[in-house]
Amino acid sequence: MVKIVAISDTHTHENFPIPDGDILLHSGDISYRGTFAEMNRAMRWLGSLPHKHKVFICGNHDWLGETDPLLMKELAEENGVIYLDDSGVDLMGLKIWGSPVQPEFCAWAFNRKRGAEIARHWAKIPDDIQVLITHGPPMGILDKLEDGMAVGCEELRKRVDQLQSLRLHSFGHIHCAAGEYTDLKGKLFVNAAVCTEEYQPLQKAHIINL
């Protein structure tokens, strides 16, 4: 049994409850503006947490990951954080894949056009992965804004439905849709956003045992 702790959208906040576990997943938006100073501090904080493995992807606020991906990776590795950018890692018997891209949203980082452009990123996801980390949600799953509009990615939903080995998909981005959902095939989806719409860290971290 592997104890996974999932968080997302912490937006520079560090003082909130994070349960201990074997693997910590952070699904992006660890910063406000993604400056070097913000990301440097964020990686130091993430690296200081007690979990055996810390896995991080950027989100749309984390600009350094898009403007200087090599520097972003260096900051993570210097602090013992596993940084994924359309890439994967095997940890404790689990195949994990992470991608920061999401459909176009207010000219922020890692925006991709809906349709063929973003589908090229999802096509890179190996068929045999068991844990998927993205910043944004798939269409129709924990992706509704406060007005009820679903804004998840259609192409990501198609790819997720194809992944027969998938057991956990962790994401964030839509703060007000935080929660968990299990589909009919037993795939667990977690919107792990910690911050509320007011950017306050009041939503819980999620614990998943795989």
N, C-alpha and C. Protein backbone atom coordinates (compact mmCIF):
# COMPACT_ATOMS: atom_id res chain seq x y z
N MET A 1 0.84 -1.20 0.00
CA MET A 1 0.00 0.00 0.00
C MET A 1 0.88 1.25 0.00
N VAL A 2 0.57 2.17 -0.90
CA VAL A 2 1.30 3.43 -0.98
C VAL A 2 0.36 4.55 -0.57
N LYS A 3 0.78 5.36 0.39
CA LYS A 3 -0.03 6.49 0.86
C LYS A 3 0.35 7.74 0.07
N ILE A 4 -0.58 8.23 -0.73
CA ILE A 4 -0.37 9.42 -1.55
C ILE A 4 -1.12 10.58 -0.94
N VAL A 5 -0.48 11.74 -0.88
CA VAL A 5 -1.11 12.98 -0.44
C VAL A 5 -1.15 13.92 -1.63
N ALA A 6 -2.33 14.43 -1.98
CA ALA A 6 -2.50 15.28 -3.16
C ALA A 6 -2.91 16.69 -2.75
N ILE A 7 -2.15 17.68 -3.27
CA ILE A 7 -2.49 19.08 -3.08
C ILE A 7 -2.29 19.81 -4.40
N SER A 8 -2.84 21.00 -4.50
CA SER A 8 -2.69 21.82 -5.70
C SER A 8 -3.07 23.26 -5.35
N ASP A 9 -2.68 24.20 -6.20
CA ASP A 9 -3.13 25.59 -6.07
C ASP A 9 -2.92 26.12 -4.65
N THR A 10 -1.68 26.05 -4.21
CA THR A 10 -1.35 26.56 -2.88
C THR A 10 -0.97 28.04 -2.92
N HIS A 11 -0.59 28.56 -4.06
CA HIS A 11 -0.39 30.01 -4.29
C HIS A 11 0.41 30.69 -3.18
N THR A 12 1.61 30.20 -2.95
CA THR A 12 2.63 30.71 -2.00
C THR A 12 2.29 30.41 -0.53
N HIS A 13 1.11 29.88 -0.24
CA HIS A 13 0.78 29.55 1.14
C HIS A 13 1.56 28.31 1.57
N GLU A 14 2.03 28.34 2.82
CA GLU A 14 2.80 27.23 3.35
C GLU A 14 2.25 26.71 4.66
N ASN A 15 1.46 27.51 5.34
CA ASN A 15 0.97 27.15 6.67
C ASN A 15 -0.46 26.63 6.61
N PHE A 16 -0.58 25.38 6.24
CA PHE A 16 -1.86 24.69 6.24
C PHE A 16 -1.58 23.21 6.46
N PRO A 17 -2.56 22.45 6.92
CA PRO A 17 -2.30 21.04 7.26
C PRO A 17 -1.99 20.19 6.02
N ILE A 18 -0.86 19.48 6.09
CA ILE A 18 -0.50 18.53 5.05
C ILE A 18 -0.19 17.20 5.72
N PRO A 19 -1.03 16.20 5.55
CA PRO A 19 -0.78 14.90 6.18
C PRO A 19 0.52 14.30 5.65
N ASP A 20 1.15 13.48 6.47
CA ASP A 20 2.34 12.76 6.04
C ASP A 20 1.92 11.63 5.10
N GLY A 21 2.88 11.16 4.32
CA GLY A 21 2.60 10.07 3.40
C GLY A 21 3.86 9.66 2.67
N ASP A 22 3.72 8.69 1.78
CA ASP A 22 4.87 8.21 1.01
C ASP A 22 5.20 9.13 -0.17
N ILE A 23 4.15 9.56 -0.87
CA ILE A 23 4.33 10.40 -2.06
C ILE A 23 3.42 11.61 -1.95
N LEU A 24 4.00 12.79 -2.13
CA LEU A 24 3.22 14.03 -2.17
C LEU A 24 3.12 14.49 -3.62
N LEU A 25 1.91 14.70 -4.09
CA LEU A 25 1.68 15.21 -5.44
C LEU A 25 1.21 16.65 -5.35
N HIS A 26 1.87 17.55 -6.07
CA HIS A 26 1.43 18.94 -6.16
C HIS A 26 1.11 19.23 -7.62
N SER A 27 -0.16 19.56 -7.89
CA SER A 27 -0.61 19.70 -9.27
C SER A 27 -0.56 21.14 -9.80
N GLY A 28 0.37 21.93 -9.30
CA GLY A 28 0.64 23.22 -9.91
C GLY A 28 -0.02 24.42 -9.23
N ASP A 29 0.37 25.61 -9.72
CA ASP A 29 -0.01 26.89 -9.11
C ASP A 29 0.47 26.95 -7.66
N ILE A 30 1.77 26.71 -7.53
CA ILE A 30 2.40 26.84 -6.23
C ILE A 30 2.75 28.29 -5.93
N SER A 31 2.61 29.15 -6.96
CA SER A 31 2.99 30.57 -6.86
C SER A 31 1.83 31.47 -7.27
N TYR A 32 2.10 32.77 -7.26
CA TYR A 32 1.16 33.75 -7.83
C TYR A 32 1.60 34.17 -9.22
N ARG A 33 2.88 34.53 -9.35
CA ARG A 33 3.37 35.05 -10.63
C ARG A 33 4.49 34.22 -11.24
N GLY A 34 4.94 33.21 -10.53
CA GLY A 34 5.96 32.33 -11.08
C GLY A 34 7.30 32.97 -11.29
N THR A 35 7.63 33.99 -10.51
CA THR A 35 8.94 34.61 -10.59
C THR A 35 10.00 33.66 -10.04
N PHE A 36 11.27 33.96 -10.34
CA PHE A 36 12.35 33.13 -9.82
C PHE A 36 12.29 33.09 -8.29
N ALA A 37 12.10 34.25 -7.67
CA ALA A 37 12.08 34.31 -6.20
C ALA A 37 10.95 33.45 -5.63
N GLU A 38 9.77 33.54 -6.23
CA GLU A 38 8.64 32.75 -5.75
C GLU A 38 8.89 31.26 -5.93
N MET A 39 9.39 30.89 -7.10
CA MET A 39 9.58 29.47 -7.37
C MET A 39 10.74 28.89 -6.55
N ASN A 40 11.77 29.68 -6.34
CA ASN A 40 12.89 29.25 -5.51
C ASN A 40 12.41 28.96 -4.09
N ARG A 41 11.65 29.90 -3.53
CA ARG A 41 11.12 29.69 -2.18
C ARG A 41 10.17 28.50 -2.14
N ALA A 42 9.33 28.37 -3.18
CA ALA A 42 8.35 27.29 -3.21
C ALA A 42 9.03 25.92 -3.24
N MET A 43 10.10 25.80 -4.04
CA MET A 43 10.79 24.51 -4.11
C MET A 43 11.51 24.20 -2.79
N ARG A 44 12.01 25.22 -2.12
CA ARG A 44 12.62 24.99 -0.81
C ARG A 44 11.58 24.49 0.19
N TRP A 45 10.41 25.11 0.14
CA TRP A 45 9.33 24.67 1.04
C TRP A 45 8.90 23.25 0.71
N LEU A 46 8.65 22.98 -0.56
CA LEU A 46 8.20 21.66 -0.96
C LEU A 46 9.23 20.60 -0.60
N GLY A 47 10.49 20.92 -0.83
CA GLY A 47 11.55 19.98 -0.52
C GLY A 47 11.72 19.71 0.96
N SER A 48 11.27 20.66 1.80
CA SER A 48 11.42 20.50 3.25
C SER A 48 10.35 19.62 3.87
N LEU A 49 9.32 19.29 3.11
CA LEU A 49 8.24 18.48 3.66
C LEU A 49 8.71 17.04 3.87
N PRO A 50 8.11 16.32 4.83
CA PRO A 50 8.66 15.03 5.27
C PRO A 50 8.39 13.84 4.35
N HIS A 51 7.59 14.01 3.32
CA HIS A 51 7.23 12.89 2.46
C HIS A 51 8.47 12.34 1.75
N LYS A 52 8.51 11.04 1.59
CA LYS A 52 9.68 10.40 0.98
C LYS A 52 9.91 10.91 -0.44
N HIS A 53 8.83 11.08 -1.20
CA HIS A 53 8.92 11.56 -2.58
C HIS A 53 7.98 12.75 -2.75
N LYS A 54 8.48 13.82 -3.35
CA LYS A 54 7.67 15.00 -3.68
C LYS A 54 7.65 15.17 -5.19
N VAL A 55 6.46 15.15 -5.80
CA VAL A 55 6.32 15.25 -7.24
C VAL A 55 5.55 16.54 -7.55
N PHE A 56 6.08 17.33 -8.50
CA PHE A 56 5.49 18.65 -8.78
C PHE A 56 5.38 18.88 -10.28
N ILE A 57 4.25 19.46 -10.69
CA ILE A 57 4.13 20.02 -12.02
C ILE A 57 3.77 21.50 -11.87
N CYS A 58 4.06 22.29 -12.88
CA CYS A 58 3.68 23.69 -12.86
C CYS A 58 2.20 23.85 -13.21
N GLY A 59 1.68 25.03 -12.89
CA GLY A 59 0.34 25.43 -13.31
C GLY A 59 0.41 26.73 -14.07
N ASN A 60 -0.73 27.29 -14.39
CA ASN A 60 -0.75 28.48 -15.23
C ASN A 60 -0.15 29.71 -14.56
N HIS A 61 -0.05 29.73 -13.24
CA HIS A 61 0.60 30.85 -12.56
C HIS A 61 2.13 30.69 -12.49
N ASP A 62 2.62 29.49 -12.72
CA ASP A 62 4.04 29.19 -12.48
C ASP A 62 4.89 29.46 -13.72
N TRP A 63 5.03 30.73 -14.04
CA TRP A 63 5.62 31.16 -15.31
C TRP A 63 7.04 30.67 -15.53
N LEU A 64 7.83 30.54 -14.49
CA LEU A 64 9.23 30.14 -14.68
C LEU A 64 9.33 28.81 -15.40
N GLY A 65 8.39 27.92 -15.16
CA GLY A 65 8.41 26.62 -15.82
C GLY A 65 8.27 26.71 -17.33
N GLU A 66 7.60 27.74 -17.81
CA GLU A 66 7.44 27.92 -19.25
C GLU A 66 8.56 28.76 -19.84
N THR A 67 8.96 29.83 -19.14
CA THR A 67 9.98 30.73 -19.70
C THR A 67 11.40 30.18 -19.58
N ASP A 68 11.66 29.37 -18.56
CA ASP A 68 12.99 28.80 -18.37
C ASP A 68 12.86 27.40 -17.76
N PRO A 69 12.44 26.43 -18.56
CA PRO A 69 12.18 25.08 -18.03
C PRO A 69 13.41 24.41 -17.42
N LEU A 70 14.59 24.68 -17.96
CA LEU A 70 15.79 24.06 -17.39
C LEU A 70 16.07 24.61 -15.99
N LEU A 71 15.90 25.91 -15.81
CA LEU A 71 16.10 26.50 -14.49
C LEU A 71 15.06 25.98 -13.52
N MET A 72 13.82 25.85 -13.97
CA MET A 72 12.77 25.32 -13.11
C MET A 72 13.11 23.91 -12.65
N LYS A 73 13.58 23.10 -13.56
CA LYS A 73 13.95 21.73 -13.21
C LYS A 73 15.12 21.71 -12.23
N GLU A 74 16.09 22.59 -12.44
CA GLU A 74 17.24 22.67 -11.54
C GLU A 74 16.80 23.05 -10.13
N LEU A 75 15.91 24.04 -10.01
CA LEU A 75 15.43 24.45 -8.69
C LEU A 75 14.76 23.29 -7.97
N ALA A 76 13.96 22.55 -8.72
CA ALA A 76 13.27 21.41 -8.11
C ALA A 76 14.28 20.35 -7.65
N GLU A 77 15.17 19.97 -8.54
CA GLU A 77 16.11 18.90 -8.23
C GLU A 77 17.05 19.27 -7.09
N GLU A 78 17.44 20.55 -7.02
CA GLU A 78 18.30 21.00 -5.92
C GLU A 78 17.64 20.79 -4.56
N ASN A 79 16.32 20.76 -4.55
CA ASN A 79 15.58 20.62 -3.30
C ASN A 79 14.93 19.25 -3.14
N GLY A 80 15.36 18.30 -3.97
CA GLY A 80 14.86 16.94 -3.84
C GLY A 80 13.43 16.75 -4.32
N VAL A 81 12.98 17.64 -5.22
CA VAL A 81 11.62 17.56 -5.76
C VAL A 81 11.69 16.99 -7.17
N ILE A 82 10.81 16.06 -7.46
CA ILE A 82 10.72 15.47 -8.80
C ILE A 82 9.82 16.37 -9.65
N TYR A 83 10.38 16.94 -10.71
CA TYR A 83 9.65 17.88 -11.56
C TYR A 83 9.26 17.19 -12.86
N LEU A 84 7.97 17.18 -13.15
CA LEU A 84 7.48 16.54 -14.36
C LEU A 84 6.91 17.59 -15.32
N ASP A 85 7.28 17.46 -16.59
CA ASP A 85 6.84 18.39 -17.63
C ASP A 85 6.63 17.57 -18.90
N ASP A 86 5.42 17.05 -19.07
CA ASP A 86 5.17 16.06 -20.12
C ASP A 86 6.17 14.93 -20.00
N SER A 87 6.30 14.41 -18.80
CA SER A 87 7.27 13.35 -18.52
C SER A 87 6.77 12.50 -17.37
N GLY A 88 7.50 11.40 -17.12
CA GLY A 88 7.03 10.46 -16.11
C GLY A 88 8.13 9.98 -15.19
N VAL A 89 7.71 9.26 -14.16
CA VAL A 89 8.64 8.68 -13.20
C VAL A 89 7.98 7.44 -12.60
N ASP A 90 8.79 6.46 -12.25
CA ASP A 90 8.31 5.27 -11.54
C ASP A 90 8.68 5.40 -10.08
N LEU A 91 7.69 5.34 -9.19
CA LEU A 91 7.93 5.47 -7.76
C LEU A 91 7.15 4.41 -7.00
N MET A 92 7.83 3.65 -6.19
CA MET A 92 7.19 2.69 -5.30
C MET A 92 6.21 1.78 -6.04
N GLY A 93 6.61 1.38 -7.24
CA GLY A 93 5.80 0.47 -8.03
C GLY A 93 4.69 1.13 -8.82
N LEU A 94 4.63 2.46 -8.81
CA LEU A 94 3.60 3.20 -9.54
C LEU A 94 4.22 3.98 -10.69
N LYS A 95 3.59 3.89 -11.84
CA LYS A 95 4.00 4.68 -13.00
C LYS A 95 3.22 5.99 -13.00
N ILE A 96 3.95 7.10 -12.90
CA ILE A 96 3.35 8.42 -12.73
C ILE A 96 3.72 9.30 -13.92
N TRP A 97 2.75 10.06 -14.42
CA TRP A 97 2.99 10.99 -15.53
C TRP A 97 2.42 12.35 -15.16
N GLY A 98 3.15 13.42 -15.53
CA GLY A 98 2.68 14.76 -15.22
C GLY A 98 2.80 15.71 -16.39
N SER A 99 1.80 16.60 -16.52
CA SER A 99 1.81 17.62 -17.57
C SER A 99 1.17 18.90 -17.04
N PRO A 100 1.78 20.07 -17.33
CA PRO A 100 1.25 21.33 -16.81
C PRO A 100 0.24 22.02 -17.73
N VAL A 101 0.04 21.53 -18.95
CA VAL A 101 -0.75 22.30 -19.91
C VAL A 101 -2.25 22.26 -19.58
N GLN A 102 -2.94 23.31 -20.00
CA GLN A 102 -4.40 23.37 -19.88
C GLN A 102 -4.95 24.22 -21.03
N PRO A 103 -6.24 24.10 -21.31
CA PRO A 103 -6.83 24.92 -22.38
C PRO A 103 -6.62 26.40 -22.11
N GLU A 104 -6.58 27.18 -23.17
CA GLU A 104 -6.31 28.61 -23.07
C GLU A 104 -7.14 29.27 -21.97
N PHE A 105 -6.45 30.07 -21.14
CA PHE A 105 -7.10 30.70 -19.99
C PHE A 105 -6.41 32.01 -19.67
N CYS A 106 -6.97 33.11 -20.13
CA CYS A 106 -6.52 34.46 -19.75
C CYS A 106 -5.03 34.71 -20.00
N ALA A 107 -4.47 34.14 -21.03
CA ALA A 107 -3.08 34.41 -21.43
C ALA A 107 -2.06 34.10 -20.34
N TRP A 108 -2.33 33.07 -19.54
CA TRP A 108 -1.38 32.65 -18.53
C TRP A 108 -0.42 31.60 -19.12
N ALA A 109 0.41 31.04 -18.26
CA ALA A 109 1.42 30.07 -18.70
C ALA A 109 0.78 28.74 -19.09
N PHE A 110 1.49 28.01 -19.93
CA PHE A 110 1.13 26.64 -20.34
C PHE A 110 -0.26 26.56 -20.99
N ASN A 111 -0.69 27.66 -21.59
CA ASN A 111 -1.94 27.64 -22.34
C ASN A 111 -1.76 26.92 -23.67
N ARG A 112 -2.71 26.11 -24.03
CA ARG A 112 -2.72 25.47 -25.34
C ARG A 112 -4.14 25.56 -25.91
N LYS A 113 -4.23 25.68 -27.21
CA LYS A 113 -5.54 25.75 -27.85
C LYS A 113 -6.27 24.42 -27.71
N ARG A 114 -7.58 24.49 -27.48
CA ARG A 114 -8.38 23.29 -27.43
C ARG A 114 -8.33 22.58 -28.78
N GLY A 115 -8.48 21.28 -28.76
CA GLY A 115 -8.46 20.52 -30.00
C GLY A 115 -7.11 19.90 -30.25
N ALA A 116 -6.64 19.97 -31.49
CA ALA A 116 -5.45 19.24 -31.90
C ALA A 116 -4.20 19.67 -31.15
N GLU A 117 -4.07 20.98 -30.86
CA GLU A 117 -2.83 21.45 -30.21
C GLU A 117 -2.65 20.82 -28.84
N ILE A 118 -3.67 20.86 -28.01
CA ILE A 118 -3.52 20.29 -26.67
C ILE A 118 -3.56 18.77 -26.71
N ALA A 119 -4.25 18.20 -27.69
CA ALA A 119 -4.31 16.74 -27.81
C ALA A 119 -2.93 16.14 -28.03
N ARG A 120 -2.03 16.89 -28.66
CA ARG A 120 -0.67 16.39 -28.89
C ARG A 120 0.06 16.14 -27.57
N HIS A 121 -0.25 16.93 -26.56
CA HIS A 121 0.35 16.71 -25.24
C HIS A 121 -0.22 15.45 -24.60
N TRP A 122 -1.53 15.29 -24.67
CA TRP A 122 -2.15 14.12 -24.03
C TRP A 122 -1.76 12.83 -24.74
N ALA A 123 -1.43 12.91 -26.02
CA ALA A 123 -1.01 11.71 -26.75
C ALA A 123 0.32 11.16 -26.23
N LYS A 124 1.08 12.00 -25.54
CA LYS A 124 2.37 11.56 -24.99
C LYS A 124 2.20 10.68 -23.75
N ILE A 125 1.02 10.71 -23.14
CA ILE A 125 0.80 9.94 -21.92
C ILE A 125 0.87 8.45 -22.25
N PRO A 126 1.75 7.70 -21.62
CA PRO A 126 1.85 6.25 -21.90
C PRO A 126 0.56 5.52 -21.52
N ASP A 127 0.29 4.46 -22.24
CA ASP A 127 -0.94 3.69 -22.01
C ASP A 127 -0.96 3.00 -20.65
N ASP A 128 0.23 2.73 -20.09
CA ASP A 128 0.28 1.91 -18.88
C ASP A 128 0.46 2.71 -17.58
N ILE A 129 0.26 4.03 -17.64
CA ILE A 129 0.44 4.79 -16.40
C ILE A 129 -0.69 4.49 -15.42
N GLN A 130 -0.38 4.63 -14.13
CA GLN A 130 -1.36 4.39 -13.08
C GLN A 130 -1.77 5.67 -12.36
N VAL A 131 -0.88 6.65 -12.35
CA VAL A 131 -1.16 7.93 -11.70
C VAL A 131 -0.88 9.05 -12.69
N LEU A 132 -1.85 9.92 -12.90
CA LEU A 132 -1.73 11.06 -13.80
C LEU A 132 -1.88 12.35 -13.00
N ILE A 133 -0.97 13.29 -13.26
CA ILE A 133 -1.04 14.61 -12.64
C ILE A 133 -1.13 15.64 -13.75
N THR A 134 -2.19 16.41 -13.77
CA THR A 134 -2.30 17.55 -14.68
C THR A 134 -2.71 18.76 -13.86
N HIS A 135 -2.54 19.95 -14.44
CA HIS A 135 -2.98 21.12 -13.68
C HIS A 135 -4.49 21.28 -13.78
N GLY A 136 -5.02 21.15 -14.98
CA GLY A 136 -6.45 21.32 -15.17
C GLY A 136 -7.20 20.00 -15.21
N PRO A 137 -8.51 20.06 -15.03
CA PRO A 137 -9.34 18.85 -15.01
C PRO A 137 -9.75 18.40 -16.41
N PRO A 138 -10.17 17.15 -16.53
CA PRO A 138 -10.81 16.70 -17.77
C PRO A 138 -12.24 17.24 -17.81
N MET A 139 -12.76 17.37 -19.01
CA MET A 139 -14.12 17.87 -19.16
C MET A 139 -15.13 17.03 -18.40
N GLY A 140 -15.97 17.70 -17.63
CA GLY A 140 -17.07 17.04 -16.96
C GLY A 140 -16.76 16.42 -15.62
N ILE A 141 -15.53 16.56 -15.14
CA ILE A 141 -15.15 15.95 -13.86
C ILE A 141 -14.52 17.01 -12.96
N LEU A 142 -15.22 17.41 -11.93
CA LEU A 142 -14.72 18.38 -10.95
C LEU A 142 -14.14 19.61 -11.64
N ASP A 143 -14.91 20.12 -12.62
CA ASP A 143 -14.41 21.22 -13.46
C ASP A 143 -15.38 22.39 -13.58
N LYS A 144 -16.40 22.45 -12.71
CA LYS A 144 -17.41 23.48 -12.86
C LYS A 144 -17.06 24.75 -12.09
N LEU A 145 -17.23 25.88 -12.77
CA LEU A 145 -17.10 27.17 -12.13
C LEU A 145 -18.29 27.42 -11.21
N GLU A 146 -18.25 28.52 -10.46
CA GLU A 146 -19.34 28.80 -9.54
C GLU A 146 -20.68 28.99 -10.25
N ASP A 147 -20.64 29.40 -11.52
CA ASP A 147 -21.89 29.58 -12.27
C ASP A 147 -22.37 28.28 -12.92
N GLY A 148 -21.66 27.18 -12.68
CA GLY A 148 -22.06 25.88 -13.19
C GLY A 148 -21.48 25.52 -14.53
N MET A 149 -20.69 26.41 -15.13
CA MET A 149 -20.10 26.11 -16.43
C MET A 149 -18.94 25.13 -16.28
N ALA A 150 -18.95 24.06 -17.08
CA ALA A 150 -17.86 23.09 -17.09
C ALA A 150 -16.76 23.58 -18.03
N VAL A 151 -15.52 23.64 -17.53
CA VAL A 151 -14.43 24.23 -18.32
C VAL A 151 -13.25 23.29 -18.48
N GLY A 152 -13.43 22.02 -18.15
CA GLY A 152 -12.35 21.05 -18.31
C GLY A 152 -11.98 20.82 -19.76
N CYS A 153 -10.96 20.02 -19.97
CA CYS A 153 -10.43 19.79 -21.31
C CYS A 153 -11.08 18.56 -21.95
N GLU A 154 -11.69 18.77 -23.10
CA GLU A 154 -12.34 17.68 -23.82
C GLU A 154 -11.34 16.61 -24.26
N GLU A 155 -10.20 17.04 -24.77
CA GLU A 155 -9.21 16.09 -25.27
C GLU A 155 -8.57 15.30 -24.12
N LEU A 156 -8.40 15.93 -22.98
CA LEU A 156 -7.88 15.20 -21.82
C LEU A 156 -8.88 14.15 -21.37
N ARG A 157 -10.16 14.47 -21.40
CA ARG A 157 -11.19 13.49 -21.01
C ARG A 157 -11.13 12.27 -21.94
N LYS A 158 -10.97 12.52 -23.23
CA LYS A 158 -10.88 11.40 -24.18
C LYS A 158 -9.69 10.50 -23.84
N ARG A 159 -8.55 11.12 -23.54
CA ARG A 159 -7.35 10.33 -23.25
C ARG A 159 -7.49 9.58 -21.93
N VAL A 160 -8.03 10.23 -20.94
CA VAL A 160 -8.22 9.58 -19.64
C VAL A 160 -9.14 8.36 -19.77
N ASP A 161 -10.17 8.49 -20.57
CA ASP A 161 -11.09 7.37 -20.77
C ASP A 161 -10.41 6.18 -21.45
N GLN A 162 -9.33 6.46 -22.19
CA GLN A 162 -8.60 5.39 -22.89
C GLN A 162 -7.62 4.65 -21.98
N LEU A 163 -7.24 5.25 -20.87
CA LEU A 163 -6.18 4.70 -20.02
C LEU A 163 -6.72 3.61 -19.10
N GLN A 164 -6.53 2.38 -19.50
CA GLN A 164 -7.10 1.25 -18.78
C GLN A 164 -6.42 0.99 -17.43
N SER A 165 -5.14 1.36 -17.32
CA SER A 165 -4.41 1.09 -16.09
C SER A 165 -4.51 2.24 -15.07
N LEU A 166 -5.12 3.35 -15.47
CA LEU A 166 -5.18 4.53 -14.62
C LEU A 166 -5.98 4.26 -13.35
N ARG A 167 -5.38 4.63 -12.21
CA ARG A 167 -6.05 4.47 -10.94
C ARG A 167 -6.35 5.80 -10.25
N LEU A 168 -5.48 6.79 -10.51
CA LEU A 168 -5.65 8.10 -9.87
C LEU A 168 -5.29 9.20 -10.86
N HIS A 169 -6.17 10.20 -10.97
CA HIS A 169 -5.89 11.41 -11.73
C HIS A 169 -6.06 12.59 -10.78
N SER A 170 -4.94 13.28 -10.49
CA SER A 170 -4.95 14.41 -9.57
C SER A 170 -4.72 15.70 -10.35
N PHE A 171 -5.48 16.74 -10.02
CA PHE A 171 -5.39 18.02 -10.71
C PHE A 171 -5.88 19.12 -9.78
N GLY A 172 -6.04 20.33 -10.32
CA GLY A 172 -6.54 21.46 -9.53
C GLY A 172 -7.15 22.49 -10.47
N HIS A 173 -6.60 23.72 -10.41
CA HIS A 173 -6.93 24.81 -11.33
C HIS A 173 -8.28 25.45 -11.03
N ILE A 174 -9.35 24.67 -10.93
CA ILE A 174 -10.68 25.20 -10.65
C ILE A 174 -10.92 25.07 -9.14
N HIS A 175 -10.61 26.14 -8.42
CA HIS A 175 -10.60 26.10 -6.96
C HIS A 175 -11.94 25.65 -6.39
N CYS A 176 -13.03 26.19 -6.94
CA CYS A 176 -14.34 25.95 -6.35
C CYS A 176 -14.87 24.55 -6.61
N ALA A 177 -14.16 23.77 -7.42
CA ALA A 177 -14.61 22.41 -7.74
C ALA A 177 -13.82 21.34 -7.00
N ALA A 178 -13.11 21.74 -5.96
CA ALA A 178 -12.29 20.78 -5.20
C ALA A 178 -13.14 19.63 -4.68
N GLY A 179 -12.56 18.43 -4.72
CA GLY A 179 -13.27 17.26 -4.23
C GLY A 179 -12.77 15.99 -4.88
N GLU A 180 -13.51 14.90 -4.71
CA GLU A 180 -13.14 13.60 -5.25
C GLU A 180 -14.32 12.99 -6.00
N TYR A 181 -14.00 12.19 -7.00
CA TYR A 181 -15.02 11.50 -7.78
C TYR A 181 -14.42 10.18 -8.28
N THR A 182 -15.17 9.10 -8.15
CA THR A 182 -14.76 7.80 -8.67
C THR A 182 -15.72 7.39 -9.77
N ASP A 183 -15.18 7.04 -10.95
CA ASP A 183 -16.06 6.67 -12.06
C ASP A 183 -16.44 5.19 -11.98
N LEU A 184 -17.21 4.75 -12.94
CA LEU A 184 -17.72 3.38 -12.91
C LEU A 184 -16.63 2.33 -13.08
N LYS A 185 -15.49 2.73 -13.61
CA LYS A 185 -14.38 1.79 -13.79
C LYS A 185 -13.42 1.81 -12.60
N GLY A 186 -13.74 2.58 -11.59
CA GLY A 186 -12.92 2.63 -10.39
C GLY A 186 -11.78 3.62 -10.44
N LYS A 187 -11.73 4.46 -11.46
CA LYS A 187 -10.71 5.49 -11.53
C LYS A 187 -11.07 6.62 -10.56
N LEU A 188 -10.11 7.02 -9.74
CA LEU A 188 -10.34 8.08 -8.77
C LEU A 188 -9.81 9.40 -9.32
N PHE A 189 -10.67 10.41 -9.33
CA PHE A 189 -10.31 11.75 -9.77
C PHE A 189 -10.31 12.67 -8.55
N VAL A 190 -9.25 13.46 -8.41
CA VAL A 190 -9.12 14.34 -7.26
C VAL A 190 -8.79 15.75 -7.73
N ASN A 191 -9.70 16.69 -7.46
CA ASN A 191 -9.37 18.11 -7.61
C ASN A 191 -8.83 18.54 -6.26
N ALA A 192 -7.52 18.70 -6.20
CA ALA A 192 -6.83 18.88 -4.92
C ALA A 192 -6.52 20.33 -4.61
N ALA A 193 -7.26 21.27 -5.21
CA ALA A 193 -7.01 22.69 -4.95
C ALA A 193 -7.15 22.99 -3.46
N VAL A 194 -6.12 23.57 -2.90
CA VAL A 194 -6.12 23.94 -1.48
C VAL A 194 -6.77 25.31 -1.27
N CYS A 195 -6.51 26.24 -2.18
CA CYS A 195 -7.05 27.59 -2.02
C CYS A 195 -8.49 27.68 -2.50
N THR A 196 -9.24 28.52 -1.84
CA THR A 196 -10.60 28.85 -2.25
C THR A 196 -10.54 29.86 -3.40
N GLU A 197 -11.70 30.28 -3.88
CA GLU A 197 -11.77 31.32 -4.90
C GLU A 197 -11.15 32.62 -4.41
N GLU A 198 -11.12 32.81 -3.09
CA GLU A 198 -10.52 34.02 -2.50
C GLU A 198 -9.04 33.82 -2.19
N TYR A 199 -8.46 32.73 -2.68
CA TYR A 199 -7.04 32.42 -2.52
C TYR A 199 -6.64 32.23 -1.05
N GLN A 200 -7.56 31.67 -0.29
CA GLN A 200 -7.26 31.31 1.08
C GLN A 200 -7.12 29.79 1.18
N PRO A 201 -6.08 29.30 1.90
CA PRO A 201 -5.79 27.85 1.95
C PRO A 201 -6.69 27.11 2.94
N LEU A 202 -7.96 27.03 2.60
CA LEU A 202 -8.95 26.48 3.54
C LEU A 202 -9.48 25.12 3.13
N GLN A 203 -9.06 24.62 1.96
CA GLN A 203 -9.56 23.33 1.48
C GLN A 203 -8.53 22.24 1.78
N LYS A 204 -9.01 21.07 2.10
CA LYS A 204 -8.15 20.03 2.67
C LYS A 204 -7.26 19.37 1.61
N ALA A 205 -6.12 18.88 2.09
CA ALA A 205 -5.31 17.96 1.29
C ALA A 205 -6.03 16.62 1.22
N HIS A 206 -5.75 15.84 0.18
CA HIS A 206 -6.43 14.57 -0.02
C HIS A 206 -5.45 13.41 0.21
N ILE A 207 -5.93 12.38 0.88
CA ILE A 207 -5.13 11.18 1.14
C ILE A 207 -5.71 10.04 0.32
N ILE A 208 -4.83 9.39 -0.46
CA ILE A 208 -5.24 8.27 -1.31
C ILE A 208 -4.32 7.10 -1.04
N ASN A 209 -4.87 5.95 -0.75
CA ASN A 209 -4.08 4.73 -0.55
C ASN A 209 -4.21 3.85 -1.77
N LEU A 210 -3.10 3.59 -2.45
CA LEU A 210 -3.09 2.74 -3.62
C LEU A 210 -2.26 1.48 -3.35
